[in-house]
Amino acid sequence: MASNYIQDHNRLFGDLTAALSRDLARLSSEANGGRSILFVYPPEDEEKYIEEAKKRYTDGYEFIDLRELFTEFVDSKGLDKFKRQFKNMGTEVFVSQNYSEGTFYSHLMKRVVEVSSKGVSPVLVHTGVIYKMGFSNQNIMEDPNVMKFQKPLVFFYPATLKNDTIYFLDKQPASKYRCVVVI
């Protein structure tokens, strides 16, 4: 008999594959006008799910590792400048209502749009990086650029489910709006 991980793994990937195969109009209708899929799995199994996804979804998908993207963002500023900005601005270095350029959010969105412009689905992995940065998956999914994508954005989401509420990293309640949830 297979373990629960294998059973859950097979079911979740089957559901994700089914969601990805929907035409964009149907997906958008199910996602309240959004163009995103929230793929929910236990945080402790993150590496297993990402590894399996990279095996299954090769053609038509590009994975964006947010850990690597954050390192790239800090490196682009230089560590000393990043530290000064964080000290002076706090989480505004990650996302700001006052300016749209120079934040991690703007860096992330440029990459997501760049990947989408290739005609493939961007797949965001290691999304725990954005925890406590002042923005969430919801901001990304509702970004005007994402709302125009011709292929869905897939957001890997390490979370737990308690009483029909999804908790990102077992801490932060998540919205199910603007996306199809695979859980």
N, C-alpha and C. Protein backbone atom coordinates (compact mmCIF):
# COMPACT_ATOMS: atom_id res chain seq x y z
N MET A 1 0.85 -1.19 0.00
CA MET A 1 0.00 0.00 0.00
C MET A 1 0.89 1.24 0.00
N ALA A 2 0.52 2.24 -0.81
CA ALA A 2 1.31 3.47 -0.94
C ALA A 2 1.14 4.35 0.29
N SER A 3 2.16 5.13 0.58
CA SER A 3 2.07 6.05 1.72
C SER A 3 1.10 7.19 1.40
N ASN A 4 0.72 7.93 2.42
CA ASN A 4 -0.17 9.09 2.21
C ASN A 4 0.49 10.11 1.30
N TYR A 5 1.81 10.30 1.45
CA TYR A 5 2.49 11.28 0.60
C TYR A 5 2.30 10.91 -0.87
N ILE A 6 2.53 9.66 -1.21
CA ILE A 6 2.41 9.23 -2.61
C ILE A 6 0.97 9.40 -3.10
N GLN A 7 0.00 9.02 -2.28
CA GLN A 7 -1.40 9.18 -2.68
C GLN A 7 -1.75 10.65 -2.85
N ASP A 8 -1.38 11.49 -1.89
CA ASP A 8 -1.66 12.93 -1.99
C ASP A 8 -0.92 13.54 -3.17
N HIS A 9 0.32 13.13 -3.35
CA HIS A 9 1.16 13.61 -4.44
C HIS A 9 0.51 13.32 -5.79
N ASN A 10 0.09 12.10 -5.99
CA ASN A 10 -0.53 11.72 -7.26
C ASN A 10 -1.85 12.46 -7.48
N ARG A 11 -2.65 12.60 -6.43
CA ARG A 11 -3.92 13.31 -6.55
C ARG A 11 -3.68 14.79 -6.87
N LEU A 12 -2.78 15.43 -6.12
CA LEU A 12 -2.52 16.86 -6.34
C LEU A 12 -1.98 17.13 -7.74
N PHE A 13 -1.03 16.33 -8.19
CA PHE A 13 -0.50 16.55 -9.53
C PHE A 13 -1.53 16.24 -10.61
N GLY A 14 -2.39 15.27 -10.36
CA GLY A 14 -3.49 15.03 -11.30
C GLY A 14 -4.43 16.22 -11.38
N ASP A 15 -4.76 16.80 -10.22
CA ASP A 15 -5.62 17.98 -10.19
C ASP A 15 -4.94 19.19 -10.84
N LEU A 16 -3.63 19.35 -10.61
CA LEU A 16 -2.91 20.46 -11.23
C LEU A 16 -2.88 20.29 -12.75
N THR A 17 -2.60 19.10 -13.22
CA THR A 17 -2.59 18.84 -14.65
C THR A 17 -3.95 19.13 -15.27
N ALA A 18 -5.02 18.75 -14.58
CA ALA A 18 -6.37 19.03 -15.08
C ALA A 18 -6.62 20.54 -15.14
N ALA A 19 -6.21 21.26 -14.11
CA ALA A 19 -6.39 22.72 -14.11
C ALA A 19 -5.59 23.37 -15.24
N LEU A 20 -4.38 22.90 -15.46
CA LEU A 20 -3.54 23.46 -16.52
C LEU A 20 -4.08 23.17 -17.91
N SER A 21 -4.85 22.10 -18.04
CA SER A 21 -5.37 21.74 -19.36
C SER A 21 -6.67 22.48 -19.70
N ARG A 22 -7.24 23.20 -18.73
CA ARG A 22 -8.46 23.97 -19.01
C ARG A 22 -8.15 25.11 -19.96
N ASP A 23 -9.14 25.45 -20.79
CA ASP A 23 -8.93 26.62 -21.63
C ASP A 23 -8.95 27.86 -20.74
N LEU A 24 -8.32 28.92 -21.21
CA LEU A 24 -8.12 30.12 -20.40
C LEU A 24 -9.43 30.76 -19.98
N ALA A 25 -10.44 30.72 -20.83
CA ALA A 25 -11.73 31.32 -20.48
C ALA A 25 -12.36 30.59 -19.29
N ARG A 26 -12.31 29.27 -19.32
CA ARG A 26 -12.88 28.49 -18.20
C ARG A 26 -12.07 28.72 -16.93
N LEU A 27 -10.75 28.68 -17.04
CA LEU A 27 -9.89 28.91 -15.88
C LEU A 27 -10.17 30.28 -15.27
N SER A 28 -10.25 31.29 -16.12
CA SER A 28 -10.50 32.66 -15.65
C SER A 28 -11.86 32.77 -14.99
N SER A 29 -12.83 32.08 -15.53
CA SER A 29 -14.17 32.09 -14.94
C SER A 29 -14.15 31.46 -13.54
N GLU A 30 -13.46 30.34 -13.41
CA GLU A 30 -13.35 29.66 -12.11
C GLU A 30 -12.51 30.46 -11.12
N ALA A 31 -11.61 31.30 -11.64
CA ALA A 31 -10.68 32.06 -10.79
C ALA A 31 -11.15 33.50 -10.58
N ASN A 32 -12.45 33.75 -10.71
CA ASN A 32 -12.99 35.09 -10.49
C ASN A 32 -12.28 36.14 -11.34
N GLY A 33 -12.04 35.81 -12.60
CA GLY A 33 -11.37 36.72 -13.51
C GLY A 33 -9.86 36.61 -13.50
N GLY A 34 -9.30 35.84 -12.58
CA GLY A 34 -7.85 35.70 -12.50
C GLY A 34 -7.31 34.70 -13.51
N ARG A 35 -6.01 34.62 -13.56
CA ARG A 35 -5.34 33.71 -14.49
C ARG A 35 -4.25 32.93 -13.77
N SER A 36 -4.57 32.53 -12.55
CA SER A 36 -3.58 31.87 -11.71
C SER A 36 -4.10 30.59 -11.10
N ILE A 37 -3.15 29.72 -10.77
CA ILE A 37 -3.45 28.48 -10.07
C ILE A 37 -2.61 28.46 -8.80
N LEU A 38 -3.25 28.24 -7.68
CA LEU A 38 -2.58 28.13 -6.39
C LEU A 38 -2.45 26.65 -6.08
N PHE A 39 -1.23 26.14 -6.11
CA PHE A 39 -0.96 24.72 -5.89
C PHE A 39 -0.50 24.56 -4.45
N VAL A 40 -1.36 23.99 -3.61
CA VAL A 40 -1.15 23.91 -2.16
C VAL A 40 -0.65 22.51 -1.79
N TYR A 41 0.40 22.49 -0.97
CA TYR A 41 0.98 21.23 -0.51
C TYR A 41 1.58 21.46 0.87
N PRO A 42 1.82 20.40 1.64
CA PRO A 42 2.38 20.56 2.99
C PRO A 42 3.78 21.19 2.94
N PRO A 43 4.04 22.19 3.78
CA PRO A 43 5.35 22.84 3.77
C PRO A 43 6.54 21.88 3.93
N GLU A 44 6.36 20.85 4.72
CA GLU A 44 7.47 19.92 4.96
C GLU A 44 7.82 19.09 3.73
N ASP A 45 6.94 19.06 2.74
CA ASP A 45 7.19 18.28 1.52
C ASP A 45 7.54 19.17 0.32
N GLU A 46 7.87 20.42 0.58
CA GLU A 46 8.09 21.37 -0.52
C GLU A 46 9.09 20.86 -1.55
N GLU A 47 10.24 20.44 -1.12
CA GLU A 47 11.28 20.02 -2.07
C GLU A 47 10.82 18.85 -2.93
N LYS A 48 10.07 17.92 -2.33
CA LYS A 48 9.56 16.77 -3.09
C LYS A 48 8.60 17.23 -4.18
N TYR A 49 7.71 18.17 -3.85
CA TYR A 49 6.74 18.65 -4.83
C TYR A 49 7.41 19.43 -5.95
N ILE A 50 8.36 20.25 -5.60
CA ILE A 50 9.06 21.03 -6.63
C ILE A 50 9.87 20.11 -7.55
N GLU A 51 10.56 19.15 -6.96
CA GLU A 51 11.34 18.21 -7.76
C GLU A 51 10.44 17.44 -8.73
N GLU A 52 9.31 16.97 -8.24
CA GLU A 52 8.39 16.23 -9.10
C GLU A 52 7.81 17.12 -10.20
N ALA A 53 7.47 18.35 -9.84
CA ALA A 53 6.91 19.28 -10.84
C ALA A 53 7.91 19.54 -11.96
N LYS A 54 9.16 19.69 -11.61
CA LYS A 54 10.18 19.95 -12.63
C LYS A 54 10.35 18.76 -13.57
N LYS A 55 10.03 17.56 -13.10
CA LYS A 55 10.07 16.38 -13.96
C LYS A 55 8.84 16.34 -14.88
N ARG A 56 7.69 16.71 -14.33
CA ARG A 56 6.43 16.59 -15.06
C ARG A 56 6.17 17.73 -16.04
N TYR A 57 6.55 18.93 -15.65
CA TYR A 57 6.18 20.12 -16.42
C TYR A 57 7.43 20.74 -17.03
N THR A 58 7.81 20.21 -18.18
CA THR A 58 9.03 20.68 -18.83
C THR A 58 8.72 21.58 -20.02
N ASP A 59 7.82 21.18 -20.86
CA ASP A 59 7.51 21.93 -22.07
C ASP A 59 6.33 22.87 -21.81
N GLY A 60 6.54 24.16 -21.99
CA GLY A 60 5.46 25.12 -21.79
C GLY A 60 5.44 25.75 -20.41
N TYR A 61 6.45 25.49 -19.61
CA TYR A 61 6.52 26.02 -18.24
C TYR A 61 7.94 26.49 -17.97
N GLU A 62 8.05 27.56 -17.18
CA GLU A 62 9.37 27.99 -16.72
C GLU A 62 9.28 28.27 -15.23
N PHE A 63 10.16 27.62 -14.49
CA PHE A 63 10.18 27.75 -13.03
C PHE A 63 10.99 28.98 -12.63
N ILE A 64 10.43 29.75 -11.71
CA ILE A 64 11.11 30.91 -11.15
C ILE A 64 11.29 30.63 -9.66
N ASP A 65 12.51 30.44 -9.25
CA ASP A 65 12.83 30.14 -7.86
C ASP A 65 12.98 31.48 -7.13
N LEU A 66 12.07 31.77 -6.21
CA LEU A 66 12.09 33.06 -5.53
C LEU A 66 13.29 33.22 -4.61
N ARG A 67 13.87 32.14 -4.14
CA ARG A 67 15.10 32.26 -3.36
C ARG A 67 16.21 32.82 -4.23
N GLU A 68 16.35 32.25 -5.43
CA GLU A 68 17.37 32.73 -6.36
C GLU A 68 17.08 34.15 -6.81
N LEU A 69 15.81 34.45 -7.05
CA LEU A 69 15.44 35.79 -7.51
C LEU A 69 15.73 36.83 -6.43
N PHE A 70 15.49 36.49 -5.17
CA PHE A 70 15.78 37.43 -4.09
C PHE A 70 17.28 37.67 -3.97
N THR A 71 18.07 36.62 -4.10
CA THR A 71 19.52 36.77 -4.07
C THR A 71 19.97 37.66 -5.22
N GLU A 72 19.41 37.45 -6.40
CA GLU A 72 19.72 38.28 -7.56
C GLU A 72 19.37 39.75 -7.29
N PHE A 73 18.21 39.98 -6.66
CA PHE A 73 17.76 41.33 -6.32
C PHE A 73 18.74 42.02 -5.38
N VAL A 74 19.14 41.33 -4.32
CA VAL A 74 20.10 41.90 -3.36
C VAL A 74 21.43 42.15 -4.05
N ASP A 75 21.89 41.19 -4.84
CA ASP A 75 23.16 41.36 -5.56
C ASP A 75 23.11 42.54 -6.52
N SER A 76 21.97 42.78 -7.15
CA SER A 76 21.86 43.90 -8.11
C SER A 76 22.02 45.25 -7.42
N LYS A 77 21.64 45.33 -6.17
CA LYS A 77 21.79 46.56 -5.39
C LYS A 77 23.15 46.64 -4.73
N GLY A 78 23.69 45.49 -4.39
CA GLY A 78 24.88 45.40 -3.56
C GLY A 78 24.42 45.23 -2.12
N LEU A 79 25.08 44.36 -1.41
CA LEU A 79 24.64 44.02 -0.06
C LEU A 79 24.63 45.24 0.86
N ASP A 80 25.66 46.08 0.80
CA ASP A 80 25.71 47.25 1.68
C ASP A 80 24.55 48.20 1.40
N LYS A 81 24.27 48.46 0.13
CA LYS A 81 23.16 49.36 -0.21
C LYS A 81 21.83 48.75 0.23
N PHE A 82 21.67 47.45 0.01
CA PHE A 82 20.44 46.79 0.43
C PHE A 82 20.24 46.93 1.95
N LYS A 83 21.30 46.69 2.70
CA LYS A 83 21.23 46.81 4.16
C LYS A 83 20.83 48.23 4.58
N ARG A 84 21.43 49.25 3.94
CA ARG A 84 21.08 50.64 4.25
C ARG A 84 19.61 50.92 3.93
N GLN A 85 19.19 50.48 2.75
CA GLN A 85 17.80 50.70 2.36
C GLN A 85 16.84 50.01 3.32
N PHE A 86 17.16 48.78 3.70
CA PHE A 86 16.28 48.06 4.61
C PHE A 86 16.24 48.75 5.97
N LYS A 87 17.38 49.23 6.43
CA LYS A 87 17.44 49.93 7.71
C LYS A 87 16.61 51.21 7.67
N ASN A 88 16.70 51.94 6.57
CA ASN A 88 16.00 53.23 6.44
C ASN A 88 14.54 53.08 6.02
N MET A 89 14.24 52.09 5.21
CA MET A 89 12.91 51.98 4.61
C MET A 89 12.09 50.81 5.14
N GLY A 90 12.71 49.88 5.82
CA GLY A 90 11.99 48.70 6.28
C GLY A 90 11.47 47.89 5.11
N THR A 91 10.24 47.42 5.22
CA THR A 91 9.69 46.54 4.18
C THR A 91 9.40 47.26 2.87
N GLU A 92 9.55 48.59 2.83
CA GLU A 92 9.37 49.29 1.55
C GLU A 92 10.42 48.90 0.53
N VAL A 93 11.51 48.30 0.97
CA VAL A 93 12.49 47.79 0.03
C VAL A 93 11.92 46.58 -0.73
N PHE A 94 10.91 45.94 -0.15
CA PHE A 94 10.27 44.79 -0.78
C PHE A 94 9.10 45.21 -1.66
N VAL A 95 8.28 46.11 -1.16
CA VAL A 95 7.13 46.62 -1.90
C VAL A 95 6.79 48.00 -1.34
N SER A 96 6.39 48.91 -2.22
CA SER A 96 6.13 50.28 -1.76
C SER A 96 4.91 50.85 -2.47
N GLN A 97 4.13 51.62 -1.73
CA GLN A 97 3.01 52.36 -2.31
C GLN A 97 3.52 53.68 -2.90
N ASN A 98 4.74 54.07 -2.54
CA ASN A 98 5.28 55.37 -2.94
C ASN A 98 6.03 55.34 -4.27
N TYR A 99 6.56 54.22 -4.64
CA TYR A 99 7.27 54.11 -5.91
C TYR A 99 7.18 52.69 -6.42
N SER A 100 7.24 52.55 -7.73
CA SER A 100 7.02 51.23 -8.31
C SER A 100 8.31 50.52 -8.73
N GLU A 101 9.40 51.24 -8.87
CA GLU A 101 10.66 50.63 -9.30
C GLU A 101 11.60 50.44 -8.11
N GLY A 102 12.52 49.50 -8.25
CA GLY A 102 13.56 49.32 -7.26
C GLY A 102 13.21 48.44 -6.08
N THR A 103 12.00 47.86 -6.07
CA THR A 103 11.59 46.99 -4.98
C THR A 103 11.71 45.52 -5.41
N PHE A 104 11.70 44.63 -4.44
CA PHE A 104 11.72 43.22 -4.80
C PHE A 104 10.46 42.85 -5.59
N TYR A 105 9.32 43.43 -5.21
CA TYR A 105 8.08 43.14 -5.94
C TYR A 105 8.22 43.52 -7.41
N SER A 106 8.77 44.69 -7.69
CA SER A 106 8.92 45.11 -9.10
C SER A 106 9.91 44.20 -9.82
N HIS A 107 10.95 43.78 -9.13
CA HIS A 107 11.94 42.85 -9.71
C HIS A 107 11.27 41.51 -10.05
N LEU A 108 10.47 41.02 -9.12
CA LEU A 108 9.73 39.77 -9.32
C LEU A 108 8.76 39.88 -10.48
N MET A 109 8.00 40.96 -10.51
CA MET A 109 7.00 41.10 -11.57
C MET A 109 7.64 41.24 -12.94
N LYS A 110 8.77 41.91 -13.03
CA LYS A 110 9.48 41.99 -14.32
C LYS A 110 9.82 40.59 -14.81
N ARG A 111 10.30 39.74 -13.90
CA ARG A 111 10.68 38.38 -14.30
C ARG A 111 9.44 37.57 -14.71
N VAL A 112 8.37 37.69 -13.95
CA VAL A 112 7.15 36.94 -14.26
C VAL A 112 6.61 37.35 -15.63
N VAL A 113 6.59 38.65 -15.91
CA VAL A 113 6.11 39.15 -17.21
C VAL A 113 7.04 38.69 -18.33
N GLU A 114 8.34 38.73 -18.07
CA GLU A 114 9.33 38.27 -19.06
C GLU A 114 9.09 36.80 -19.43
N VAL A 115 8.86 35.97 -18.44
CA VAL A 115 8.61 34.55 -18.69
C VAL A 115 7.31 34.36 -19.45
N SER A 116 6.27 35.06 -19.04
CA SER A 116 4.98 34.94 -19.72
C SER A 116 5.07 35.37 -21.18
N SER A 117 5.89 36.38 -21.45
CA SER A 117 6.01 36.88 -22.83
C SER A 117 6.62 35.83 -23.77
N LYS A 118 7.23 34.79 -23.20
CA LYS A 118 7.77 33.69 -24.01
C LYS A 118 6.67 32.71 -24.44
N GLY A 119 5.44 32.93 -23.95
CA GLY A 119 4.34 32.04 -24.29
C GLY A 119 4.27 30.80 -23.42
N VAL A 120 4.90 30.86 -22.25
CA VAL A 120 4.87 29.73 -21.32
C VAL A 120 4.26 30.17 -19.99
N SER A 121 3.91 29.22 -19.18
CA SER A 121 3.37 29.51 -17.84
C SER A 121 4.51 29.71 -16.86
N PRO A 122 4.53 30.87 -16.18
CA PRO A 122 5.50 31.03 -15.10
C PRO A 122 5.06 30.18 -13.90
N VAL A 123 6.01 29.49 -13.28
CA VAL A 123 5.75 28.66 -12.11
C VAL A 123 6.63 29.19 -10.98
N LEU A 124 6.00 29.80 -9.97
CA LEU A 124 6.74 30.36 -8.85
C LEU A 124 6.94 29.30 -7.78
N VAL A 125 8.21 29.06 -7.42
CA VAL A 125 8.53 28.08 -6.39
C VAL A 125 9.36 28.73 -5.29
N HIS A 126 9.41 28.08 -4.14
CA HIS A 126 10.05 28.60 -2.93
C HIS A 126 9.46 29.96 -2.58
N THR A 127 8.13 29.99 -2.61
CA THR A 127 7.40 31.24 -2.38
C THR A 127 7.40 31.68 -0.93
N GLY A 128 7.88 30.85 -0.02
CA GLY A 128 7.99 31.25 1.37
C GLY A 128 8.89 32.47 1.54
N VAL A 129 9.71 32.76 0.54
CA VAL A 129 10.58 33.93 0.57
C VAL A 129 9.77 35.21 0.80
N ILE A 130 8.55 35.29 0.29
CA ILE A 130 7.81 36.55 0.38
C ILE A 130 7.08 36.73 1.72
N TYR A 131 7.14 35.74 2.58
CA TYR A 131 6.47 35.84 3.87
C TYR A 131 6.99 37.07 4.63
N LYS A 132 6.08 37.91 5.06
CA LYS A 132 6.37 39.12 5.85
C LYS A 132 7.06 40.22 5.04
N MET A 133 6.99 40.16 3.70
CA MET A 133 7.59 41.20 2.87
C MET A 133 6.62 42.34 2.59
N GLY A 134 5.37 42.21 3.01
CA GLY A 134 4.41 43.28 2.78
C GLY A 134 3.54 43.08 1.55
N PHE A 135 3.73 41.98 0.85
CA PHE A 135 2.84 41.61 -0.25
C PHE A 135 2.65 40.11 -0.20
N SER A 136 1.66 39.63 -0.92
CA SER A 136 1.34 38.20 -0.88
C SER A 136 1.07 37.68 -2.27
N ASN A 137 0.73 36.41 -2.33
CA ASN A 137 0.36 35.81 -3.60
C ASN A 137 -0.81 36.57 -4.23
N GLN A 138 -1.69 37.10 -3.41
CA GLN A 138 -2.86 37.82 -3.92
C GLN A 138 -2.44 39.05 -4.72
N ASN A 139 -1.46 39.79 -4.24
CA ASN A 139 -0.97 40.95 -4.97
C ASN A 139 -0.41 40.54 -6.33
N ILE A 140 0.31 39.45 -6.36
CA ILE A 140 0.88 38.96 -7.61
C ILE A 140 -0.23 38.53 -8.56
N MET A 141 -1.19 37.76 -8.06
CA MET A 141 -2.28 37.25 -8.89
C MET A 141 -3.17 38.36 -9.42
N GLU A 142 -3.30 39.46 -8.67
CA GLU A 142 -4.16 40.56 -9.10
C GLU A 142 -3.39 41.65 -9.84
N ASP A 143 -2.10 41.46 -10.04
CA ASP A 143 -1.32 42.43 -10.79
C ASP A 143 -1.94 42.56 -12.19
N PRO A 144 -2.10 43.78 -12.69
CA PRO A 144 -2.72 43.97 -14.02
C PRO A 144 -2.04 43.18 -15.13
N ASN A 145 -0.73 43.02 -15.06
CA ASN A 145 -0.05 42.23 -16.08
C ASN A 145 -0.46 40.77 -16.03
N VAL A 146 -0.54 40.20 -14.85
CA VAL A 146 -0.92 38.79 -14.69
C VAL A 146 -2.36 38.59 -15.16
N MET A 147 -3.19 39.57 -14.91
CA MET A 147 -4.61 39.45 -15.31
C MET A 147 -4.78 39.41 -16.84
N LYS A 148 -3.71 39.72 -17.59
CA LYS A 148 -3.76 39.68 -19.05
C LYS A 148 -3.00 38.49 -19.64
N PHE A 149 -2.38 37.68 -18.80
CA PHE A 149 -1.58 36.55 -19.30
C PHE A 149 -2.41 35.64 -20.19
N GLN A 150 -1.73 35.05 -21.17
CA GLN A 150 -2.37 34.08 -22.06
C GLN A 150 -2.18 32.64 -21.58
N LYS A 151 -1.30 32.46 -20.61
CA LYS A 151 -1.08 31.16 -19.96
C LYS A 151 -1.17 31.41 -18.45
N PRO A 152 -1.66 30.44 -17.70
CA PRO A 152 -1.81 30.67 -16.25
C PRO A 152 -0.47 30.78 -15.52
N LEU A 153 -0.48 31.58 -14.48
CA LEU A 153 0.61 31.67 -13.52
C LEU A 153 0.36 30.58 -12.48
N VAL A 154 1.37 29.77 -12.20
CA VAL A 154 1.23 28.72 -11.19
C VAL A 154 2.04 29.15 -9.97
N PHE A 155 1.39 29.17 -8.82
CA PHE A 155 2.00 29.63 -7.59
C PHE A 155 2.11 28.44 -6.65
N PHE A 156 3.33 27.91 -6.44
CA PHE A 156 3.52 26.82 -5.49
C PHE A 156 3.40 27.41 -4.09
N TYR A 157 2.54 26.79 -3.29
CA TYR A 157 2.10 27.41 -2.04
C TYR A 157 2.19 26.44 -0.88
N PRO A 158 3.30 26.47 -0.13
CA PRO A 158 3.43 25.58 1.02
C PRO A 158 2.48 26.02 2.13
N ALA A 159 1.48 25.23 2.39
CA ALA A 159 0.43 25.66 3.33
C ALA A 159 -0.24 24.45 3.97
N THR A 160 -1.02 24.77 5.00
CA THR A 160 -1.84 23.77 5.66
C THR A 160 -3.29 24.21 5.56
N LEU A 161 -4.18 23.27 5.72
CA LEU A 161 -5.60 23.53 5.67
C LEU A 161 -6.19 23.23 7.04
N LYS A 162 -6.87 24.24 7.61
CA LYS A 162 -7.54 24.08 8.90
C LYS A 162 -8.93 24.69 8.79
N ASN A 163 -9.95 23.85 8.96
CA ASN A 163 -11.34 24.32 8.89
C ASN A 163 -11.62 25.12 7.62
N ASP A 164 -11.23 24.59 6.48
CA ASP A 164 -11.43 25.20 5.16
C ASP A 164 -10.66 26.51 4.95
N THR A 165 -9.73 26.82 5.83
CA THR A 165 -8.88 28.00 5.64
C THR A 165 -7.47 27.53 5.33
N ILE A 166 -6.89 28.11 4.29
CA ILE A 166 -5.52 27.79 3.91
C ILE A 166 -4.59 28.75 4.67
N TYR A 167 -3.56 28.17 5.29
CA TYR A 167 -2.58 28.97 6.03
C TYR A 167 -1.21 28.83 5.37
N PHE A 168 -0.74 29.91 4.76
CA PHE A 168 0.57 29.96 4.13
C PHE A 168 1.64 29.72 5.18
N LEU A 169 2.49 28.75 4.94
CA LEU A 169 3.54 28.36 5.88
C LEU A 169 2.99 28.05 7.27
N ASP A 170 1.74 27.61 7.31
CA ASP A 170 1.07 27.25 8.56
C ASP A 170 0.85 28.47 9.46
N LYS A 171 0.91 29.68 8.91
CA LYS A 171 0.81 30.90 9.72
C LYS A 171 -0.21 31.91 9.20
N GLN A 172 -0.11 32.29 7.95
CA GLN A 172 -0.85 33.41 7.40
C GLN A 172 -2.05 32.93 6.59
N PRO A 173 -3.28 33.36 6.96
CA PRO A 173 -4.45 32.96 6.17
C PRO A 173 -4.32 33.44 4.73
N ALA A 174 -4.78 32.62 3.81
CA ALA A 174 -4.66 32.93 2.39
C ALA A 174 -6.02 33.17 1.77
N SER A 175 -6.02 33.96 0.75
CA SER A 175 -7.22 34.21 -0.03
C SER A 175 -7.30 33.19 -1.16
N LYS A 176 -8.50 32.81 -1.51
CA LYS A 176 -8.72 31.89 -2.63
C LYS A 176 -9.25 32.65 -3.84
N TYR A 177 -9.20 33.98 -3.78
CA TYR A 177 -9.75 34.83 -4.83
C TYR A 177 -8.74 35.00 -5.97
N ARG A 178 -9.20 35.10 -7.18
CA ARG A 178 -8.40 35.31 -8.39
C ARG A 178 -7.53 34.12 -8.77
N CYS A 179 -7.88 32.94 -8.27
CA CYS A 179 -7.10 31.77 -8.63
C CYS A 179 -7.96 30.51 -8.51
N VAL A 180 -7.53 29.50 -9.20
CA VAL A 180 -8.07 28.16 -9.01
C VAL A 180 -7.16 27.51 -7.98
N VAL A 181 -7.76 26.97 -6.93
CA VAL A 181 -6.97 26.36 -5.86
C VAL A 181 -6.93 24.85 -6.06
N VAL A 182 -5.72 24.33 -6.05
CA VAL A 182 -5.51 22.87 -6.10
C VAL A 182 -4.99 22.49 -4.72
N ILE A 183 -5.85 21.77 -3.98
CA ILE A 183 -5.49 21.38 -2.62
C ILE A 183 -5.97 19.97 -2.33
